[in-house]
Amino acid sequence: GFDINSKDASGITLLHKFTKEGDLVGVKSLLEHEADFNVVDNENRNPLHYAIMHGHKKVAKLFVNQLTINSKDKNGFTPLHLAALQDDTELIDFLITKGAKINEKDAKEGYTPLHIASLYGSKKSVQILIDSGANLECEDNNFRTPLFLTIYQCTAHYDSRAEIIEYLIKKGANIEAKDAENNTTLFLAAYNNKMQIVKLIAKKQQASNDKIK
């Protein structure tokens, strides 16, 4: 007979395909016929990864369980990394309540979901992660914290990142942090000619100096 879990050359099953299309009825029917929800393609992505990548919230929620919640694809991305990349606040929240590991790092850069949300997401995503206990000082493979990385990257996308940088500083992110090259956040902001951020950091430094006195 027909094997419901058979894969094509890319390792993709029917369940992957239906998930990618967001076909809730099709997905439910496959699951009733014992399709394997842990099945992975050649990129090590299971149906939960697919559902999040393609923005299908209802389908994604069907696949969340002990086995899938912290599963990693080939890049070391967990479902929470992918939800942060998609800036899907509802799924970020949902995955965290279901037990997603919040400070898990990817394989290539050592990014946590907070690094990714700070770089690509909205303030709301960053907020949910921080309120749920994401570590502000978690470093990537180059010793860059989310604040550091965002300042480091905020050249072209400056305007969209400004409020996130402000928010991270407000939440107490360490402005004295240095990366593998010994750069400070202040140096980077000045180097990228981001005077608004330079002022912010200087103001924060002044405030902490005043506290010490």
C-alpha atoms as a PDB file:
ATOM      1  CA  GLY A   1       0.000   0.000   0.000  1.00  0.00           C
ATOM      2  CA  PHE A   2       0.858   3.689  -0.009  1.00  0.00           C
ATOM      3  CA  ASP A   3       3.293   4.848   2.674  1.00  0.00           C
ATOM      4  CA  ILE A   4       1.902   8.050   4.148  1.00  0.00           C
ATOM      5  CA  ASN A   5       5.381   9.009   5.385  1.00  0.00           C
ATOM      6  CA  SER A   6       7.265   8.523   2.124  1.00  0.00           C
ATOM      7  CA  LYS A   7       9.697  11.317   1.212  1.00  0.00           C
ATOM      8  CA  ASP A   8      10.714  12.974  -2.034  1.00  0.00           C
ATOM      9  CA  ALA A   9      14.343  13.723  -2.972  1.00  0.00           C
ATOM     10  CA  SER A  10      14.382  16.729  -0.597  1.00  0.00           C
ATOM     11  CA  GLY A  11      13.073  14.642   2.285  1.00  0.00           C
ATOM     12  CA  ILE A  12       9.652  16.277   2.074  1.00  0.00           C
ATOM     13  CA  THR A  13       6.542  14.283   3.010  1.00  0.00           C
ATOM     14  CA  LEU A  14       2.861  14.925   2.345  1.00  0.00           C
ATOM     15  CA  LEU A  15       2.584  16.351   5.840  1.00  0.00           C
ATOM     16  CA  HIS A  16       5.328  18.896   5.076  1.00  0.00           C
ATOM     17  CA  LYS A  17       3.509  19.866   1.858  1.00  0.00           C
ATOM     18  CA  PHE A  18       0.078  20.287   3.441  1.00  0.00           C
ATOM     19  CA  THR A  19       1.644  22.232   6.293  1.00  0.00           C
ATOM     20  CA  LYS A  20       3.462  24.578   3.929  1.00  0.00           C
ATOM     21  CA  GLU A  21       0.127  25.334   2.248  1.00  0.00           C
ATOM     22  CA  GLY A  22      -1.575  25.861   5.596  1.00  0.00           C
ATOM     23  CA  ASP A  23      -4.157  23.188   4.803  1.00  0.00           C
ATOM     24  CA  LEU A  24      -5.567  22.588   8.279  1.00  0.00           C
ATOM     25  CA  VAL A  25      -8.130  19.971   7.186  1.00  0.00           C
ATOM     26  CA  GLY A  26      -5.519  18.087   5.164  1.00  0.00           C
ATOM     27  CA  VAL A  27      -3.041  18.158   8.028  1.00  0.00           C
ATOM     28  CA  LYS A  28      -5.627  16.884  10.531  1.00  0.00           C
ATOM     29  CA  SER A  29      -6.626  14.107   8.164  1.00  0.00           C
ATOM     30  CA  LEU A  30      -2.984  13.031   7.680  1.00  0.00           C
ATOM     31  CA  LEU A  31      -2.431  13.019  11.439  1.00  0.00           C
ATOM     32  CA  GLU A  32      -5.539  10.850  11.894  1.00  0.00           C
ATOM     33  CA  HIS A  33      -3.985   8.422   9.415  1.00  0.00           C
ATOM     34  CA  GLU A  34      -0.857   8.305  11.560  1.00  0.00           C
ATOM     35  CA  ALA A  35       1.401  10.583   9.572  1.00  0.00           C
ATOM     36  CA  ASP A  36       4.634  11.111  11.496  1.00  0.00           C
ATOM     37  CA  PHE A  37       4.705  14.676  12.881  1.00  0.00           C
ATOM     38  CA  ASN A  38       8.390  14.292  13.848  1.00  0.00           C
ATOM     39  CA  VAL A  39       9.449  13.608  10.278  1.00  0.00           C
ATOM     40  CA  VAL A  40      12.294  15.836   9.031  1.00  0.00           C
ATOM     41  CA  ASP A  41      13.357  16.904   5.543  1.00  0.00           C
ATOM     42  CA  ASN A  42      16.974  17.138   4.346  1.00  0.00           C
ATOM     43  CA  GLU A  43      17.329  20.462   6.194  1.00  0.00           C
ATOM     44  CA  ASN A  44      16.251  18.693   9.396  1.00  0.00           C
ATOM     45  CA  ARG A  45      12.994  20.656   9.420  1.00  0.00           C
ATOM     46  CA  ASN A  46       9.858  19.045  10.792  1.00  0.00           C
ATOM     47  CA  PRO A  47       6.268  20.154  10.084  1.00  0.00           C
ATOM     48  CA  LEU A  48       6.320  22.563  13.059  1.00  0.00           C
ATOM     49  CA  HIS A  49       9.288  24.392  11.506  1.00  0.00           C
ATOM     50  CA  TYR A  50       7.363  24.589   8.207  1.00  0.00           C
ATOM     51  CA  ALA A  51       4.185  25.889   9.822  1.00  0.00           C
ATOM     52  CA  ILE A  52       6.056  28.720  11.560  1.00  0.00           C
ATOM     53  CA  MET A  53       8.173  29.624   8.529  1.00  0.00           C
ATOM     54  CA  HIS A  54       5.046  29.966   6.413  1.00  0.00           C
ATOM     55  CA  GLY A  55       3.019  31.785   9.045  1.00  0.00           C
ATOM     56  CA  HIS A  56       0.325  29.156   9.642  1.00  0.00           C
ATOM     57  CA  LYS A  57      -0.465  29.628  13.325  1.00  0.00           C
ATOM     58  CA  LYS A  58      -3.342  27.158  13.671  1.00  0.00           C
ATOM     59  CA  VAL A  59      -1.386  24.396  11.967  1.00  0.00           C
ATOM     60  CA  ALA A  60       1.693  25.196  14.057  1.00  0.00           C
ATOM     61  CA  LYS A  61      -0.272  24.784  17.278  1.00  0.00           C
ATOM     62  CA  LEU A  62      -1.235  21.233  16.261  1.00  0.00           C
ATOM     63  CA  PHE A  63       2.420  20.220  16.134  1.00  0.00           C
ATOM     64  CA  VAL A  64       3.667  21.651  19.409  1.00  0.00           C
ATOM     65  CA  ASN A  65       4.572  18.961  21.922  1.00  0.00           C
ATOM     66  CA  GLN A  66       7.471  17.736  24.083  1.00  0.00           C
ATOM     67  CA  LEU A  67       9.328  16.298  21.089  1.00  0.00           C
ATOM     68  CA  THR A  68       8.998  19.197  18.668  1.00  0.00           C
ATOM     69  CA  ILE A  69       9.065  22.294  20.894  1.00  0.00           C
ATOM     70  CA  ASN A  70      12.876  22.635  20.983  1.00  0.00           C
ATOM     71  CA  SER A  71      13.723  20.661  17.848  1.00  0.00           C
ATOM     72  CA  LYS A  72      16.512  22.181  15.743  1.00  0.00           C
ATOM     73  CA  ASP A  73      16.890  22.386  11.985  1.00  0.00           C
ATOM     74  CA  LYS A  74      20.244  22.166  10.188  1.00  0.00           C
ATOM     75  CA  ASN A  75      21.060  25.771  11.148  1.00  0.00           C
ATOM     76  CA  GLY A  76      20.337  25.065  14.794  1.00  0.00           C
ATOM     77  CA  PHE A  77      17.136  27.111  14.664  1.00  0.00           C
ATOM     78  CA  THR A  78      14.393  26.073  17.066  1.00  0.00           C
ATOM     79  CA  PRO A  79      10.705  26.874  16.466  1.00  0.00           C
ATOM     80  CA  LEU A  80      11.178  29.915  18.737  1.00  0.00           C
ATOM     81  CA  HIS A  81      14.075  31.205  16.596  1.00  0.00           C
ATOM     82  CA  LEU A  82      11.861  30.880  13.523  1.00  0.00           C
ATOM     83  CA  ALA A  83       8.914  32.614  15.201  1.00  0.00           C
ATOM     84  CA  ALA A  84      11.261  35.481  16.159  1.00  0.00           C
ATOM     85  CA  LEU A  85      12.518  35.630  12.575  1.00  0.00           C
ATOM     86  CA  GLN A  86       8.914  35.854  11.343  1.00  0.00           C
ATOM     87  CA  ASP A  87       8.140  38.435  14.029  1.00  0.00           C
ATOM     88  CA  ASP A  88       5.118  36.334  14.971  1.00  0.00           C
ATOM     89  CA  THR A  89       4.292  37.636  18.444  1.00  0.00           C
ATOM     90  CA  GLU A  90       1.377  35.251  18.942  1.00  0.00           C
ATOM     91  CA  LEU A  91       3.515  32.190  18.233  1.00  0.00           C
ATOM     92  CA  ILE A  92       6.462  33.522  20.255  1.00  0.00           C
ATOM     93  CA  ASP A  93       4.123  33.813  23.226  1.00  0.00           C
ATOM     94  CA  PHE A  94       2.499  30.436  22.565  1.00  0.00           C
ATOM     95  CA  LEU A  95       5.813  28.571  22.202  1.00  0.00           C
ATOM     96  CA  ILE A  96       7.170  30.074  25.419  1.00  0.00           C
ATOM     97  CA  THR A  97       4.078  29.046  27.389  1.00  0.00           C
ATOM     98  CA  LYS A  98       4.508  25.531  25.970  1.00  0.00           C
ATOM     99  CA  GLY A  99       8.078  25.299  27.257  1.00  0.00           C
ATOM    100  CA  ALA A 100      10.328  26.603  24.474  1.00  0.00           C
ATOM    101  CA  LYS A 101      13.903  27.143  25.674  1.00  0.00           C
ATOM    102  CA  ILE A 102      14.247  30.896  25.531  1.00  0.00           C
ATOM    103  CA  ASN A 103      18.055  31.273  25.454  1.00  0.00           C
ATOM    104  CA  GLU A 104      18.840  28.462  23.009  1.00  0.00           C
ATOM    105  CA  LYS A 105      21.549  29.393  20.450  1.00  0.00           C
ATOM    106  CA  ASP A 106      21.682  28.633  16.734  1.00  0.00           C
ATOM    107  CA  ALA A 107      24.595  26.674  15.270  1.00  0.00           C
ATOM    108  CA  LYS A 108      26.157  29.201  12.926  1.00  0.00           C
ATOM    109  CA  GLU A 109      26.182  32.547  14.761  1.00  0.00           C
ATOM    110  CA  GLY A 110      25.252  31.583  18.299  1.00  0.00           C
ATOM    111  CA  TYR A 111      22.145  33.784  18.152  1.00  0.00           C
ATOM    112  CA  THR A 112      19.386  33.393  20.715  1.00  0.00           C
ATOM    113  CA  PRO A 113      15.773  34.220  19.765  1.00  0.00           C
ATOM    114  CA  LEU A 114      16.353  37.635  21.414  1.00  0.00           C
ATOM    115  CA  HIS A 115      19.313  38.339  19.099  1.00  0.00           C
ATOM    116  CA  ILE A 116      17.060  37.555  16.140  1.00  0.00           C
ATOM    117  CA  ALA A 117      14.096  39.570  17.403  1.00  0.00           C
ATOM    118  CA  SER A 118      16.383  42.542  18.127  1.00  0.00           C
ATOM    119  CA  LEU A 119      17.794  42.380  14.604  1.00  0.00           C
ATOM    120  CA  TYR A 120      14.689  41.612  12.557  1.00  0.00           C
ATOM    121  CA  GLY A 121      11.637  41.782  14.773  1.00  0.00           C
ATOM    122  CA  SER A 122       9.389  44.388  16.300  1.00  0.00           C
ATOM    123  CA  LYS A 123       9.609  45.920  19.743  1.00  0.00           C
ATOM    124  CA  LYS A 124       6.634  43.738  20.753  1.00  0.00           C
ATOM    125  CA  SER A 125       8.587  40.529  20.021  1.00  0.00           C
ATOM    126  CA  VAL A 126      11.589  41.832  21.951  1.00  0.00           C
ATOM    127  CA  GLN A 127       9.294  42.792  24.820  1.00  0.00           C
ATOM    128  CA  ILE A 128       7.649  39.357  25.054  1.00  0.00           C
ATOM    129  CA  LEU A 129      11.030  37.612  25.066  1.00  0.00           C
ATOM    130  CA  ILE A 130      12.489  39.890  27.745  1.00  0.00           C
ATOM    131  CA  ASP A 131       9.344  39.714  29.891  1.00  0.00           C
ATOM    132  CA  SER A 132       9.530  35.916  29.626  1.00  0.00           C
ATOM    133  CA  GLY A 133      13.082  35.869  30.957  1.00  0.00           C
ATOM    134  CA  ALA A 134      15.314  36.086  27.876  1.00  0.00           C
ATOM    135  CA  ASN A 135      18.883  36.886  28.895  1.00  0.00           C
ATOM    136  CA  LEU A 136      19.856  40.420  27.819  1.00  0.00           C
ATOM    137  CA  GLU A 137      23.553  39.587  28.148  1.00  0.00           C
ATOM    138  CA  CYS A 138      23.566  36.319  26.177  1.00  0.00           C
ATOM    139  CA  GLU A 139      26.532  36.491  23.782  1.00  0.00           C
ATOM    140  CA  ASP A 140      26.742  35.128  20.246  1.00  0.00           C
ATOM    141  CA  ASN A 141      29.869  33.430  18.864  1.00  0.00           C
ATOM    142  CA  ASN A 142      31.540  36.852  18.516  1.00  0.00           C
ATOM    143  CA  PHE A 143      30.709  37.818  22.122  1.00  0.00           C
ATOM    144  CA  ARG A 144      27.976  40.185  20.940  1.00  0.00           C
ATOM    145  CA  THR A 145      24.915  40.708  23.126  1.00  0.00           C
ATOM    146  CA  PRO A 146      21.543  41.509  21.482  1.00  0.00           C
ATOM    147  CA  LEU A 147      22.081  45.243  22.176  1.00  0.00           C
ATOM    148  CA  PHE A 148      25.587  45.127  20.771  1.00  0.00           C
ATOM    149  CA  LEU A 149      24.548  43.200  17.678  1.00  0.00           C
ATOM    150  CA  THR A 150      21.673  45.562  16.946  1.00  0.00           C
ATOM    151  CA  ILE A 151      23.908  48.624  17.183  1.00  0.00           C
ATOM    152  CA  TYR A 152      26.516  46.783  15.110  1.00  0.00           C
ATOM    153  CA  GLN A 153      24.002  46.044  12.355  1.00  0.00           C
ATOM    154  CA  CYS A 154      21.998  49.244  12.484  1.00  0.00           C
ATOM    155  CA  THR A 155      23.422  51.044   9.511  1.00  0.00           C
ATOM    156  CA  ALA A 156      20.832  50.957   6.760  1.00  0.00           C
ATOM    157  CA  HIS A 157      17.934  49.871   8.971  1.00  0.00           C
ATOM    158  CA  TYR A 158      18.662  52.442  11.603  1.00  0.00           C
ATOM    159  CA  ASP A 159      15.201  53.940  11.973  1.00  0.00           C
ATOM    160  CA  SER A 160      13.465  50.624  12.478  1.00  0.00           C
ATOM    161  CA  ARG A 161      16.037  49.547  15.097  1.00  0.00           C
ATOM    162  CA  ALA A 162      16.272  52.779  17.090  1.00  0.00           C
ATOM    163  CA  GLU A 163      13.332  52.082  19.369  1.00  0.00           C
ATOM    164  CA  ILE A 164      14.572  48.535  20.007  1.00  0.00           C
ATOM    165  CA  ILE A 165      18.036  49.806  20.939  1.00  0.00           C
ATOM    166  CA  GLU A 166      16.384  52.325  23.250  1.00  0.00           C
ATOM    167  CA  TYR A 167      14.186  49.631  24.766  1.00  0.00           C
ATOM    168  CA  LEU A 168      17.121  47.243  25.378  1.00  0.00           C
ATOM    169  CA  ILE A 169      19.047  50.040  27.108  1.00  0.00           C
ATOM    170  CA  LYS A 170      15.973  50.939  29.163  1.00  0.00           C
ATOM    171  CA  LYS A 171      15.655  47.301  30.213  1.00  0.00           C
ATOM    172  CA  GLY A 172      19.192  47.424  31.589  1.00  0.00           C
ATOM    173  CA  ALA A 173      21.264  45.897  28.777  1.00  0.00           C
ATOM    174  CA  ASN A 174      24.950  46.408  29.522  1.00  0.00           C
ATOM    175  CA  ILE A 175      26.239  49.371  27.500  1.00  0.00           C
ATOM    176  CA  GLU A 176      29.845  48.615  28.485  1.00  0.00           C
ATOM    177  CA  ALA A 177      29.808  45.213  26.765  1.00  0.00           C
ATOM    178  CA  LYS A 178      32.600  44.467  24.283  1.00  0.00           C
ATOM    179  CA  ASP A 179      32.775  42.063  21.350  1.00  0.00           C
ATOM    180  CA  ALA A 180      35.588  39.736  20.225  1.00  0.00           C
ATOM    181  CA  GLU A 181      37.359  42.733  18.643  1.00  0.00           C
ATOM    182  CA  ASN A 182      37.133  44.707  21.874  1.00  0.00           C
ATOM    183  CA  ASN A 183      34.719  47.263  20.425  1.00  0.00           C
ATOM    184  CA  THR A 184      32.264  48.927  22.779  1.00  0.00           C
ATOM    185  CA  THR A 185      28.676  49.894  21.980  1.00  0.00           C
ATOM    186  CA  LEU A 186      29.625  53.563  22.183  1.00  0.00           C
ATOM    187  CA  PHE A 187      32.495  53.114  19.746  1.00  0.00           C
ATOM    188  CA  LEU A 188      30.236  51.308  17.280  1.00  0.00           C
ATOM    189  CA  ALA A 189      27.475  53.882  17.507  1.00  0.00           C
ATOM    190  CA  ALA A 190      29.973  56.689  16.945  1.00  0.00           C
ATOM    191  CA  TYR A 191      31.700  54.758  14.162  1.00  0.00           C
ATOM    192  CA  ASN A 192      28.383  54.248  12.370  1.00  0.00           C
ATOM    193  CA  ASN A 193      27.636  57.912  12.970  1.00  0.00           C
ATOM    194  CA  LYS A 194      24.511  57.223  15.000  1.00  0.00           C
ATOM    195  CA  MET A 195      24.460  60.325  17.144  1.00  0.00           C
ATOM    196  CA  GLN A 196      21.065  59.559  18.659  1.00  0.00           C
ATOM    197  CA  ILE A 197      22.444  56.299  20.066  1.00  0.00           C
ATOM    198  CA  VAL A 198      25.704  57.922  21.162  1.00  0.00           C
ATOM    199  CA  LYS A 199      23.610  60.394  23.180  1.00  0.00           C
ATOM    200  CA  LEU A 200      21.503  57.594  24.643  1.00  0.00           C
ATOM    201  CA  ILE A 201      24.548  55.623  25.744  1.00  0.00           C
ATOM    202  CA  ALA A 202      26.293  58.707  27.107  1.00  0.00           C
ATOM    203  CA  LYS A 203      23.156  59.597  29.072  1.00  0.00           C
ATOM    204  CA  LYS A 204      22.979  56.075  30.494  1.00  0.00           C
ATOM    205  CA  GLN A 205      26.682  56.188  31.425  1.00  0.00           C
ATOM    206  CA  GLN A 206      26.160  59.539  33.126  1.00  0.00           C
ATOM    207  CA  ALA A 207      23.240  58.128  35.106  1.00  0.00           C
ATOM    208  CA  SER A 208      25.231  55.131  36.316  1.00  0.00           C
ATOM    209  CA  ASN A 209      28.176  57.371  37.212  1.00  0.00           C
ATOM    210  CA  ASP A 210      25.825  59.566  39.229  1.00  0.00           C
ATOM    211  CA  LYS A 211      24.609  56.485  41.098  1.00  0.00           C
ATOM    212  CA  ILE A 212      28.167  55.521  42.030  1.00  0.00           C
ATOM    213  CA  LYS A 213      29.016  58.943  43.488  1.00  0.00           C
END
